Amino acid sequence: MEILMAERANLVFHNIVIDGTAIKRLIKRLIVHFGIAYTSHILDQVKTLGFIMLLLHPFHYGLMTF
């Protein structure tokens, strides 16, 4: 499925820092809304996206300190 640039402009992005309690609430809401199986899939996709971003921009995430 191709996403056009006009469609991408309508996406909302929130860049906020959340703590463990907020993550637990988010996961609980995902489980209630989507169920355990699909929530697991969503969280795996978020994890994969984080690894990809880390590999693409290692200096931004402080890998130079290792």
N, C-alpha and C. Protein backbone atom coordinates (compact mmCIF):
# COMPACT_ATOMS: atom_id res chain seq x y z
N MET A 1 0.84 -1.18 0.00
CA MET A 1 0.00 0.00 0.00
C MET A 1 0.88 1.24 0.00
N GLU A 2 0.66 2.09 -0.92
CA GLU A 2 1.48 3.30 -1.05
C GLU A 2 0.84 4.44 -0.27
N ILE A 3 1.65 5.15 0.49
CA ILE A 3 1.16 6.31 1.23
C ILE A 3 1.64 7.55 0.51
N LEU A 4 0.72 8.38 0.11
CA LEU A 4 1.07 9.61 -0.59
C LEU A 4 1.50 10.67 0.41
N MET A 5 2.27 11.63 -0.06
CA MET A 5 2.76 12.68 0.82
C MET A 5 1.61 13.49 1.42
N ALA A 6 0.54 13.68 0.68
CA ALA A 6 -0.61 14.42 1.20
C ALA A 6 -1.22 13.68 2.39
N GLU A 7 -1.25 12.37 2.33
CA GLU A 7 -1.78 11.58 3.44
C GLU A 7 -0.86 11.63 4.64
N ARG A 8 0.44 11.65 4.41
CA ARG A 8 1.39 11.68 5.51
C ARG A 8 1.29 12.98 6.29
N ALA A 9 0.93 14.07 5.63
CA ALA A 9 0.85 15.37 6.30
C ALA A 9 -0.21 15.38 7.38
N ASN A 10 -1.18 14.49 7.31
CA ASN A 10 -2.26 14.46 8.29
C ASN A 10 -1.92 13.64 9.53
N LEU A 11 -0.77 13.00 9.56
CA LEU A 11 -0.38 12.22 10.72
C LEU A 11 0.02 13.13 11.87
N VAL A 12 -0.30 12.70 13.07
CA VAL A 12 0.03 13.49 14.26
C VAL A 12 1.19 12.81 14.97
N PHE A 13 2.19 13.58 15.36
CA PHE A 13 3.35 13.05 16.06
C PHE A 13 3.52 13.80 17.38
N HIS A 14 3.58 13.05 18.47
CA HIS A 14 3.81 13.65 19.79
C HIS A 14 5.14 13.15 20.31
N ASN A 15 6.05 14.04 20.57
CA ASN A 15 7.37 13.69 21.08
C ASN A 15 7.42 14.07 22.56
N ILE A 16 7.02 13.13 23.42
CA ILE A 16 7.00 13.39 24.85
C ILE A 16 7.74 12.26 25.57
N VAL A 17 8.24 12.58 26.74
CA VAL A 17 8.89 11.58 27.57
C VAL A 17 7.83 11.00 28.51
N ILE A 18 7.75 9.67 28.55
CA ILE A 18 6.77 9.04 29.43
C ILE A 18 7.50 8.10 30.39
N ASP A 19 6.95 7.98 31.59
CA ASP A 19 7.56 7.12 32.60
C ASP A 19 6.94 5.73 32.56
N GLY A 20 7.38 4.88 33.46
CA GLY A 20 6.91 3.49 33.50
C GLY A 20 5.42 3.37 33.73
N THR A 21 4.87 4.23 34.57
CA THR A 21 3.44 4.19 34.85
C THR A 21 2.63 4.51 33.59
N ALA A 22 3.07 5.50 32.83
CA ALA A 22 2.37 5.87 31.60
C ALA A 22 2.47 4.75 30.56
N ILE A 23 3.60 4.07 30.51
CA ILE A 23 3.76 2.95 29.58
C ILE A 23 2.81 1.82 29.97
N LYS A 24 2.69 1.54 31.27
CA LYS A 24 1.77 0.49 31.72
C LYS A 24 0.33 0.83 31.36
N ARG A 25 -0.06 2.10 31.55
CA ARG A 25 -1.42 2.52 31.19
C ARG A 25 -1.65 2.39 29.69
N LEU A 26 -0.65 2.76 28.89
CA LEU A 26 -0.78 2.66 27.44
C LEU A 26 -0.95 1.20 27.01
N ILE A 27 -0.13 0.32 27.56
CA ILE A 27 -0.22 -1.10 27.21
C ILE A 27 -1.56 -1.67 27.65
N LYS A 28 -2.03 -1.28 28.84
CA LYS A 28 -3.33 -1.76 29.31
C LYS A 28 -4.45 -1.32 28.37
N ARG A 29 -4.40 -0.06 27.90
CA ARG A 29 -5.41 0.42 26.97
C ARG A 29 -5.33 -0.31 25.64
N LEU A 30 -4.12 -0.61 25.19
CA LEU A 30 -3.97 -1.37 23.94
C LEU A 30 -4.57 -2.77 24.08
N ILE A 31 -4.31 -3.42 25.23
CA ILE A 31 -4.85 -4.76 25.45
C ILE A 31 -6.37 -4.74 25.49
N VAL A 32 -6.94 -3.77 26.19
CA VAL A 32 -8.40 -3.67 26.27
C VAL A 32 -9.00 -3.43 24.89
N HIS A 33 -8.37 -2.56 24.11
CA HIS A 33 -8.93 -2.19 22.82
C HIS A 33 -8.66 -3.24 21.73
N PHE A 34 -7.43 -3.78 21.67
CA PHE A 34 -7.05 -4.66 20.57
C PHE A 34 -6.91 -6.13 20.96
N GLY A 35 -6.77 -6.43 22.23
CA GLY A 35 -6.52 -7.80 22.66
C GLY A 35 -5.03 -8.05 22.81
N ILE A 36 -4.69 -9.17 23.44
CA ILE A 36 -3.29 -9.45 23.76
C ILE A 36 -2.46 -9.75 22.53
N ALA A 37 -3.01 -10.52 21.60
CA ALA A 37 -2.23 -10.94 20.42
C ALA A 37 -1.83 -9.74 19.56
N TYR A 38 -2.80 -8.86 19.26
CA TYR A 38 -2.48 -7.72 18.41
C TYR A 38 -1.63 -6.69 19.15
N THR A 39 -1.84 -6.56 20.46
CA THR A 39 -1.00 -5.66 21.26
C THR A 39 0.46 -6.12 21.22
N SER A 40 0.67 -7.42 21.31
CA SER A 40 2.02 -7.96 21.20
C SER A 40 2.64 -7.61 19.85
N HIS A 41 1.85 -7.71 18.80
CA HIS A 41 2.33 -7.36 17.47
C HIS A 41 2.69 -5.87 17.39
N ILE A 42 1.84 -5.01 17.95
CA ILE A 42 2.09 -3.56 17.94
C ILE A 42 3.39 -3.26 18.68
N LEU A 43 3.57 -3.85 19.85
CA LEU A 43 4.76 -3.58 20.65
C LEU A 43 6.03 -4.10 19.96
N ASP A 44 5.93 -5.23 19.27
CA ASP A 44 7.07 -5.73 18.50
C ASP A 44 7.44 -4.77 17.38
N GLN A 45 6.45 -4.19 16.73
CA GLN A 45 6.71 -3.23 15.66
C GLN A 45 7.36 -1.95 16.20
N VAL A 46 6.91 -1.50 17.37
CA VAL A 46 7.52 -0.32 18.00
C VAL A 46 8.97 -0.61 18.37
N LYS A 47 9.22 -1.81 18.91
CA LYS A 47 10.59 -2.20 19.26
C LYS A 47 11.48 -2.25 18.02
N THR A 48 10.96 -2.84 16.94
CA THR A 48 11.72 -2.91 15.69
C THR A 48 12.01 -1.52 15.16
N LEU A 49 11.04 -0.64 15.20
CA LEU A 49 11.25 0.73 14.75
C LEU A 49 12.32 1.42 15.58
N GLY A 50 12.33 1.17 16.89
CA GLY A 50 13.36 1.76 17.75
C GLY A 50 14.75 1.27 17.38
N PHE A 51 14.89 -0.04 17.09
CA PHE A 51 16.19 -0.56 16.68
C PHE A 51 16.64 0.03 15.34
N ILE A 52 15.70 0.18 14.42
CA ILE A 52 16.04 0.75 13.12
C ILE A 52 16.52 2.19 13.29
N MET A 53 15.80 2.98 14.09
CA MET A 53 16.20 4.37 14.31
C MET A 53 17.56 4.44 15.01
N LEU A 54 17.81 3.51 15.91
CA LEU A 54 19.10 3.47 16.60
C LEU A 54 20.24 3.17 15.63
N LEU A 55 19.99 2.25 14.70
CA LEU A 55 21.03 1.91 13.74
C LEU A 55 21.24 3.00 12.70
N LEU A 56 20.19 3.72 12.35
CA LEU A 56 20.31 4.78 11.36
C LEU A 56 20.96 6.05 11.93
N HIS A 57 20.75 6.31 13.20
CA HIS A 57 21.24 7.54 13.83
C HIS A 57 21.95 7.22 15.14
N PRO A 58 23.05 6.48 15.11
CA PRO A 58 23.68 6.06 16.37
C PRO A 58 24.26 7.20 17.19
N PHE A 59 24.72 8.26 16.56
CA PHE A 59 25.34 9.34 17.32
C PHE A 59 24.29 10.13 18.09
N HIS A 60 23.12 10.22 17.55
CA HIS A 60 22.05 10.94 18.21
C HIS A 60 21.64 10.25 19.51
N TYR A 61 21.73 8.94 19.57
CA TYR A 61 21.32 8.19 20.73
C TYR A 61 22.47 7.88 21.70
N GLY A 62 23.63 8.45 21.46
CA GLY A 62 24.71 8.32 22.41
C GLY A 62 25.49 7.03 22.34
N LEU A 63 25.55 6.39 21.18
CA LEU A 63 26.33 5.16 21.07
C LEU A 63 27.84 5.45 21.11
N MET A 64 28.20 6.69 20.97
CA MET A 64 29.62 7.03 21.03
C MET A 64 30.19 6.80 22.43
N THR A 65 29.37 6.69 23.44
CA THR A 65 29.85 6.55 24.80
C THR A 65 30.24 5.11 25.12
N PHE A 66 29.91 4.15 24.24
CA PHE A 66 30.23 2.75 24.53
C PHE A 66 31.66 2.42 24.23
